[in-house]
Amino acid sequence: MKFSEILHQFGDAATNHSLTSNPDHDPEITGVAAIDEASNCTLSYVEGAKFGSFVGKTNAGALILPQDEKLQALAQERGIAWLATPDPRLLFAKAITLFYQPYRPIPEIHPTAVIHSTAKVGSDVYIGPHAVIQQGVEIGNGAIIHPNVVIYPDVKIGDRTILHANCTIHERTRIGADCVIYSGAVIGAEGFGYVPTRTGWLKMEQSGYTVLEDSVEVGCNSAIDRPAVGETRIGRSTVIDNLVQIGHGCQIGFGCAIAGQVGMAGGVQLGNRVILAGQVGIANKAKMGDGAIASAQTGILHDVAPGQIISGTPAIPHKLYLKVCAVYSRLPDMYQSLKQLQRKFKDSPGD
């Protein structure tokens, strides 16, 4: 694909480009690559000025640049074709789709799939080998059910949703349109509900529902539990990484991003566009407001205000956490100074 063809695909997203000043330099681009691994036939990107040094040493044939005239001039000097845009990373994400599309099987039902007679399967659906679809299941148009998926009774799957191999969808789960559930994920299994008695733990049956709204993605080996009553709900366009545990009755808002190894106890509530970095833990029934952010390994025991950025365990405001970290490495010296002061006062004569 010629660089000029890529420009045509991007349309108005490219605010400026090298072909304006040098129409004869139109390289053939065969793929995309990281800027430090790029070759003269690949397209890469620079997100901002702090990465500008890569422009002077990359082997890329073309670059997506920010609106920075110095970087554009440097690329021009080095003979690298370029285009400029307000958000290079976003445009690079779109560029990848010009050269790669995920595997999508042709609609068919494999003869080894086990489908209950009461299940309803829409049009243009793919159901792979050894998938099991139990009674009362409804599968929307264009859905993809990869091999070894197990769908329990009374589950509803929306249009164009993809269930990757070996994931399990438990009874009465509701999954919207355009969702993606990755391998090993378990959606709608029983929540961790037990009542202590004199003779041990009494199991509380988990009779509720798990609901995933449209365009939710759930990573490999993640678990989203159903509650005793009511529902666990994941808002539309929320993305969940691998190895995430979402407890029974949690309510997750629109457009949240939840990184790997996050764990939420039951009844947690997240507002819209909340971001949780890796290994964040949230205690039972804690709430986070819209736009709040928790950095990696934060332990959240209490409610978090909208827009607040928090870190540490127990969680504190991020700016305060940075000050605490600055002091942490000095604690041994401060302790020795304290001991010296204590000895000094102890040895000094009294009044």
Protein backbone atom coordinates (compact mmCIF):
# COMPACT_ATOMS: atom_id res chain seq x y z
CA MET A 1 0.00 0.00 0.00
CA LYS A 2 1.40 3.37 -1.02
CA PHE A 3 1.73 6.10 1.61
CA SER A 4 -0.68 8.21 -0.43
CA GLU A 5 -3.29 5.43 -0.17
CA ILE A 6 -2.92 5.44 3.62
CA LEU A 7 -3.47 9.20 3.63
CA HIS A 8 -6.61 8.69 1.60
CA GLN A 9 -7.89 6.13 4.13
CA PHE A 10 -7.34 8.55 7.00
CA GLY A 11 -9.03 11.49 5.27
CA ASP A 12 -9.35 14.59 7.44
CA ALA A 13 -7.66 12.90 10.42
CA ALA A 14 -4.29 13.76 8.85
CA THR A 15 -3.96 17.54 9.24
CA ASN A 16 -0.68 17.80 7.31
CA HIS A 17 1.68 15.43 5.47
CA SER A 18 4.97 15.21 3.59
CA LEU A 19 3.37 14.75 0.17
CA THR A 20 2.37 18.43 0.34
CA SER A 21 6.02 19.43 -0.01
CA ASN A 22 7.40 16.34 -1.78
CA PRO A 23 4.78 14.58 -3.93
CA ASP A 24 7.44 12.32 -5.49
CA HIS A 25 8.27 10.63 -2.18
CA ASP A 26 5.48 8.06 -1.87
CA PRO A 27 6.96 4.89 -0.29
CA GLU A 28 5.39 1.44 -0.36
CA ILE A 29 4.17 0.53 3.14
CA THR A 30 3.63 -3.18 3.86
CA GLY A 31 2.92 -3.12 7.60
CA VAL A 32 3.16 -1.36 10.96
CA ALA A 33 5.81 -1.59 13.67
CA ALA A 34 7.10 -0.09 16.90
CA ILE A 35 9.34 2.87 16.14
CA ASP A 36 12.50 1.16 17.46
CA GLU A 37 11.81 -1.97 15.38
CA ALA A 38 10.53 -0.35 12.18
CA SER A 39 11.99 -0.94 8.72
CA ASN A 40 11.85 1.18 5.58
CA CYS A 41 8.59 -0.46 4.48
CA THR A 42 6.69 -0.06 7.75
CA LEU A 43 4.64 2.70 9.33
CA SER A 44 5.21 3.77 12.95
CA TYR A 45 4.32 6.72 15.18
CA VAL A 46 5.64 9.21 17.73
CA GLU A 47 3.16 10.18 20.42
CA GLY A 48 4.76 13.44 21.56
CA ALA A 49 7.88 15.57 21.83
CA LYS A 50 9.36 13.49 24.66
CA PHE A 51 9.77 10.63 22.19
CA GLY A 52 11.12 12.93 19.49
CA SER A 53 14.64 11.48 19.66
CA PHE A 54 13.34 8.34 17.92
CA VAL A 55 12.67 10.35 14.77
CA GLY A 56 16.43 10.90 14.40
CA LYS A 57 17.30 7.19 14.48
CA THR A 58 14.29 5.14 13.37
CA ASN A 59 14.37 3.11 10.16
CA ALA A 60 10.65 3.59 9.54
CA GLY A 61 9.51 4.32 6.00
CA ALA A 62 6.70 6.55 7.27
CA LEU A 63 5.67 8.11 10.57
CA ILE A 64 2.54 9.40 12.22
CA LEU A 65 3.64 12.55 14.06
CA PRO A 66 2.08 15.06 16.43
CA GLN A 67 1.51 18.62 15.30
CA ASP A 68 5.14 19.51 15.99
CA GLU A 69 6.96 21.36 13.20
CA LYS A 70 10.43 20.44 14.53
CA LEU A 71 9.67 16.72 14.39
CA GLN A 72 8.11 17.11 10.97
CA ALA A 73 11.20 18.95 9.69
CA LEU A 74 13.50 16.26 11.14
CA ALA A 75 11.54 13.51 9.42
CA GLN A 76 11.67 15.49 6.18
CA GLU A 77 15.46 15.85 6.47
CA ARG A 78 15.85 12.11 6.96
CA GLY A 79 13.66 11.29 3.97
CA ILE A 80 10.90 9.73 6.07
CA ALA A 81 7.36 10.20 4.80
CA TRP A 82 5.08 11.54 7.53
CA LEU A 83 1.61 12.69 8.38
CA ALA A 84 0.58 14.86 11.33
CA THR A 85 -2.47 14.52 13.56
CA PRO A 86 -3.62 15.79 16.98
CA ASP A 87 -3.65 12.21 18.36
CA PRO A 88 -0.92 10.02 16.77
CA ARG A 89 -1.61 6.97 18.95
CA LEU A 90 -5.28 6.92 18.00
CA LEU A 91 -4.46 7.16 14.30
CA PHE A 92 -1.82 4.42 14.63
CA ALA A 93 -4.46 2.16 16.19
CA LYS A 94 -6.58 2.74 13.10
CA ALA A 95 -3.56 2.13 10.86
CA ILE A 96 -3.11 -1.36 12.30
CA THR A 97 -6.54 -2.32 10.98
CA LEU A 98 -5.37 -1.52 7.44
CA PHE A 99 -2.89 -4.39 7.64
CA TYR A 100 -4.43 -6.83 10.14
CA GLN A 101 -7.90 -8.17 10.83
CA PRO A 102 -8.61 -10.71 13.59
CA TYR A 103 -9.52 -14.24 12.58
CA ARG A 104 -13.23 -14.53 11.91
CA PRO A 105 -14.62 -17.96 10.98
CA ILE A 106 -17.20 -18.47 8.26
CA PRO A 107 -20.71 -18.90 9.72
CA GLU A 108 -21.50 -22.58 10.30
CA ILE A 109 -22.48 -25.00 13.03
CA HIS A 110 -19.89 -27.72 13.56
CA PRO A 111 -21.38 -31.23 13.67
CA THR A 112 -19.80 -31.94 17.07
CA ALA A 113 -21.48 -28.95 18.74
CA VAL A 114 -24.22 -29.90 21.23
CA ILE A 115 -27.22 -27.58 20.96
CA HIS A 116 -30.39 -28.11 22.98
CA SER A 117 -33.60 -28.25 20.96
CA THR A 118 -35.02 -25.22 22.82
CA ALA A 119 -32.05 -22.99 22.05
CA LYS A 120 -32.60 -20.17 19.54
CA VAL A 121 -29.71 -19.41 17.21
CA GLY A 122 -29.75 -16.33 14.97
CA SER A 123 -28.55 -15.99 11.40
CA ASP A 124 -24.91 -16.02 10.23
CA VAL A 125 -23.73 -17.59 13.49
CA TYR A 126 -20.58 -19.67 13.90
CA ILE A 127 -20.61 -22.43 16.53
CA GLY A 128 -17.33 -24.33 16.78
CA PRO A 129 -16.39 -27.91 17.61
CA HIS A 130 -17.58 -29.33 20.94
CA ALA A 131 -19.40 -26.17 22.03
CA VAL A 132 -22.29 -26.89 24.39
CA ILE A 133 -25.42 -24.74 24.30
CA GLN A 134 -28.07 -25.70 26.83
CA GLN A 135 -31.81 -25.18 27.07
CA GLY A 136 -33.41 -21.80 26.61
CA VAL A 137 -30.27 -20.09 25.30
CA GLU A 138 -30.70 -17.28 22.78
CA ILE A 139 -27.84 -16.34 20.46
CA GLY A 140 -28.05 -13.20 18.32
CA ASN A 141 -27.24 -12.71 14.65
CA GLY A 142 -23.61 -12.84 13.59
CA ALA A 143 -22.37 -14.20 16.93
CA ILE A 144 -19.24 -16.36 17.07
CA ILE A 145 -19.03 -19.24 19.54
CA HIS A 146 -15.54 -20.75 19.38
CA PRO A 147 -14.66 -24.37 20.26
CA ASN A 148 -15.36 -25.81 23.72
CA VAL A 149 -17.47 -22.88 24.91
CA VAL A 150 -20.12 -23.92 27.42
CA ILE A 151 -23.31 -21.87 27.73
CA TYR A 152 -25.59 -22.77 30.62
CA PRO A 153 -29.42 -22.56 30.48
CA ASP A 154 -31.38 -19.35 29.93
CA VAL A 155 -28.45 -17.27 28.71
CA LYS A 156 -28.93 -14.49 26.16
CA ILE A 157 -26.10 -13.49 23.80
CA GLY A 158 -26.40 -10.34 21.69
CA ASP A 159 -25.68 -9.76 18.00
CA ARG A 160 -22.06 -10.06 16.80
CA THR A 161 -20.76 -11.02 20.24
CA ILE A 162 -17.68 -13.27 20.25
CA LEU A 163 -17.07 -16.01 22.82
CA HIS A 164 -13.54 -17.34 22.54
CA ALA A 165 -12.53 -20.94 23.10
CA ASN A 166 -13.02 -22.49 26.54
CA CYS A 167 -14.96 -19.66 28.17
CA THR A 168 -17.99 -20.52 30.29
CA ILE A 169 -21.24 -18.57 30.54
CA HIS A 170 -23.38 -19.56 33.53
CA GLU A 171 -27.15 -19.63 33.80
CA ARG A 172 -29.30 -16.53 33.31
CA THR A 173 -26.41 -14.37 32.19
CA ARG A 174 -27.23 -11.53 29.80
CA ILE A 175 -24.53 -10.44 27.34
CA GLY A 176 -25.21 -7.54 24.99
CA ALA A 177 -24.22 -6.90 21.39
CA ASP A 178 -20.63 -6.57 20.14
CA CYS A 179 -19.09 -7.98 23.32
CA VAL A 180 -15.91 -10.08 23.37
CA ILE A 181 -15.30 -12.73 26.03
CA TYR A 182 -11.78 -14.18 25.88
CA SER A 183 -10.60 -17.71 26.57
CA GLY A 184 -10.96 -19.08 30.08
CA ALA A 185 -13.25 -16.31 31.31
CA VAL A 186 -16.18 -17.35 33.50
CA ILE A 187 -19.24 -15.10 33.43
CA GLY A 188 -22.10 -15.47 35.88
CA ALA A 189 -20.73 -18.16 38.19
CA GLU A 190 -21.93 -18.24 41.80
CA GLY A 191 -20.82 -15.36 43.99
CA PHE A 192 -18.93 -16.05 47.21
CA GLY A 193 -21.96 -16.04 49.48
CA TYR A 194 -21.90 -17.91 52.80
CA VAL A 195 -23.51 -17.29 56.20
CA PRO A 196 -21.61 -18.29 59.38
CA THR A 197 -23.45 -20.68 61.75
CA ARG A 198 -22.48 -22.64 64.83
CA THR A 199 -21.89 -25.70 62.71
CA GLY A 200 -20.04 -24.05 59.84
CA TRP A 201 -20.76 -22.01 56.72
CA LEU A 202 -24.28 -22.08 55.29
CA LYS A 203 -24.28 -21.63 51.52
CA MET A 204 -26.48 -18.76 50.32
CA GLU A 205 -27.79 -19.66 46.88
CA GLN A 206 -26.89 -17.12 44.23
CA SER A 207 -30.15 -16.60 42.36
CA GLY A 208 -29.35 -13.28 40.67
CA TYR A 209 -28.24 -12.29 37.19
CA THR A 210 -25.02 -11.14 35.58
CA VAL A 211 -25.50 -8.47 32.90
CA LEU A 212 -22.92 -7.26 30.40
CA GLU A 213 -24.11 -4.29 28.38
CA ASP A 214 -23.08 -3.68 24.74
CA SER A 215 -19.41 -3.58 23.65
CA VAL A 216 -17.95 -4.98 26.86
CA GLU A 217 -14.67 -6.93 26.62
CA VAL A 218 -13.58 -9.44 29.26
CA GLY A 219 -10.00 -10.77 29.27
CA CYS A 220 -8.67 -14.29 29.62
CA ASN A 221 -9.30 -16.13 32.91
CA SER A 222 -11.35 -13.33 34.42
CA ALA A 223 -14.43 -14.03 36.54
CA ILE A 224 -17.60 -11.98 36.98
CA ASP A 225 -19.90 -13.46 39.63
CA ARG A 226 -23.68 -13.41 39.96
CA PRO A 227 -25.27 -12.27 43.24
CA ALA A 228 -27.69 -13.91 45.66
CA VAL A 229 -30.40 -11.50 44.47
CA GLY A 230 -30.47 -8.65 41.98
CA GLU A 231 -27.71 -8.35 39.43
CA THR A 232 -24.04 -7.81 38.78
CA ARG A 233 -23.84 -5.26 35.94
CA ILE A 234 -20.98 -4.19 33.67
CA GLY A 235 -21.67 -0.94 31.79
CA ARG A 236 -21.29 -0.58 28.05
CA SER A 237 -17.86 -0.12 26.49
CA THR A 238 -16.06 -1.19 29.66
CA VAL A 239 -12.84 -3.14 29.03
CA ILE A 240 -11.58 -5.74 31.49
CA ASP A 241 -8.09 -7.24 31.34
CA ASN A 242 -6.94 -10.79 32.15
CA LEU A 243 -7.18 -12.34 35.63
CA VAL A 244 -9.72 -9.89 37.03
CA GLN A 245 -12.19 -10.88 39.77
CA ILE A 246 -15.46 -8.95 39.98
CA GLY A 247 -17.55 -10.03 42.96
CA HIS A 248 -21.28 -10.57 43.26
CA GLY A 249 -23.51 -7.51 42.99
CA CYS A 250 -20.85 -5.13 41.66
CA GLN A 251 -22.10 -2.24 39.52
CA ILE A 252 -19.59 -1.02 36.92
CA GLY A 253 -20.33 2.12 34.91
CA PHE A 254 -19.83 3.10 31.28
CA GLY A 255 -16.38 3.11 29.66
CA CYS A 256 -14.33 1.87 32.61
CA ALA A 257 -10.86 0.32 32.13
CA ILE A 258 -9.85 -2.44 34.56
CA ALA A 259 -6.30 -3.81 34.32
CA GLY A 260 -4.99 -7.28 35.15
CA GLN A 261 -5.29 -8.86 38.60
CA VAL A 262 -7.77 -6.32 39.92
CA GLY A 263 -10.01 -7.78 42.61
CA MET A 264 -13.37 -6.38 43.70
CA ALA A 265 -15.33 -7.63 46.68
CA GLY A 266 -19.11 -7.86 46.52
CA GLY A 267 -21.24 -4.77 46.06
CA VAL A 268 -18.51 -2.46 44.72
CA GLN A 269 -19.80 0.46 42.64
CA LEU A 270 -17.73 2.20 39.96
CA GLY A 271 -18.96 5.32 38.20
CA ASN A 272 -18.38 6.06 34.52
CA ARG A 273 -14.88 6.09 32.99
CA VAL A 274 -13.14 4.86 36.14
CA ILE A 275 -9.60 3.51 35.60
CA LEU A 276 -8.11 0.78 37.78
CA ALA A 277 -4.45 -0.10 37.21
CA GLY A 278 -3.02 -3.56 37.85
CA GLN A 279 -3.58 -5.38 41.15
CA VAL A 280 -5.95 -2.81 42.63
CA GLY A 281 -8.08 -4.27 45.42
CA ILE A 282 -11.46 -2.81 46.42
CA ALA A 283 -13.22 -3.67 49.66
CA ASN A 284 -16.85 -4.70 50.06
CA LYS A 285 -19.40 -2.06 48.95
CA ALA A 286 -16.80 0.70 48.37
CA LYS A 287 -17.76 3.30 45.76
CA MET A 288 -15.66 5.19 43.22
CA GLY A 289 -17.08 8.26 41.51
CA ASP A 290 -17.00 9.14 37.80
CA GLY A 291 -13.52 9.56 36.35
CA ALA A 292 -11.65 8.37 39.46
CA ILE A 293 -8.28 6.66 38.92
CA ALA A 294 -6.46 4.15 41.12
CA SER A 295 -2.78 3.48 40.41
CA ALA A 296 -1.24 0.00 40.54
CA GLN A 297 -1.61 -2.02 43.76
CA THR A 298 -3.87 0.53 45.41
CA GLY A 299 -5.94 -0.84 48.29
CA ILE A 300 -9.34 0.88 48.42
CA LEU A 301 -11.19 0.54 51.72
CA HIS A 302 -13.49 3.56 51.57
CA ASP A 303 -15.40 5.62 48.99
CA VAL A 304 -13.46 7.65 46.41
CA ALA A 305 -14.72 11.01 45.15
CA PRO A 306 -15.33 11.65 41.44
CA GLY A 307 -12.17 12.58 39.54
CA GLN A 308 -9.84 11.74 42.42
CA ILE A 309 -6.51 10.00 41.73
CA ILE A 310 -5.43 7.65 44.51
CA SER A 311 -2.49 5.39 45.33
CA GLY A 312 -1.15 3.21 48.12
CA THR A 313 -2.67 0.93 50.75
CA PRO A 314 -4.78 2.13 52.37
CA ALA A 315 -5.51 4.50 49.49
CA ILE A 316 -4.56 8.17 49.83
CA PRO A 317 -4.49 11.03 47.29
CA HIS A 318 -1.82 10.39 44.67
CA LYS A 319 0.11 13.64 45.29
CA LEU A 320 0.36 12.83 48.99
CA TYR A 321 1.45 9.30 48.10
CA LEU A 322 4.34 10.67 46.02
CA LYS A 323 5.51 12.72 49.01
CA VAL A 324 5.31 9.62 51.21
CA CYS A 325 7.38 7.66 48.69
CA ALA A 326 10.03 10.39 48.68
CA VAL A 327 10.38 10.05 52.46
CA TYR A 328 10.29 6.24 52.49
CA SER A 329 13.87 5.67 51.35
CA ARG A 330 15.11 8.14 53.99
CA LEU A 331 13.42 6.36 56.90
CA PRO A 332 16.53 4.39 58.04
CA ASP A 333 18.59 7.60 58.28
CA MET A 334 15.73 9.41 60.01
CA TYR A 335 15.46 6.52 62.48
CA GLN A 336 19.17 6.74 63.30
CA SER A 337 18.85 10.49 63.80
CA LEU A 338 15.92 9.93 66.13
CA LYS A 339 17.92 7.39 68.18
CA GLN A 340 20.81 9.85 68.48
CA LEU A 341 18.43 12.57 69.69
CA GLN A 342 16.91 10.18 72.21
CA ARG A 343 20.35 9.29 73.58
CA LYS A 344 21.33 12.95 73.68
CA PHE A 345 18.27 13.91 75.73
CA LYS A 346 18.67 10.84 77.94
CA ASP A 347 22.31 11.64 78.72
CA SER A 348 21.81 15.39 79.20
CA PRO A 349 21.64 16.54 82.89
CA GLY A 350 18.17 17.36 84.16
CA ASP A 351 17.11 20.89 85.06
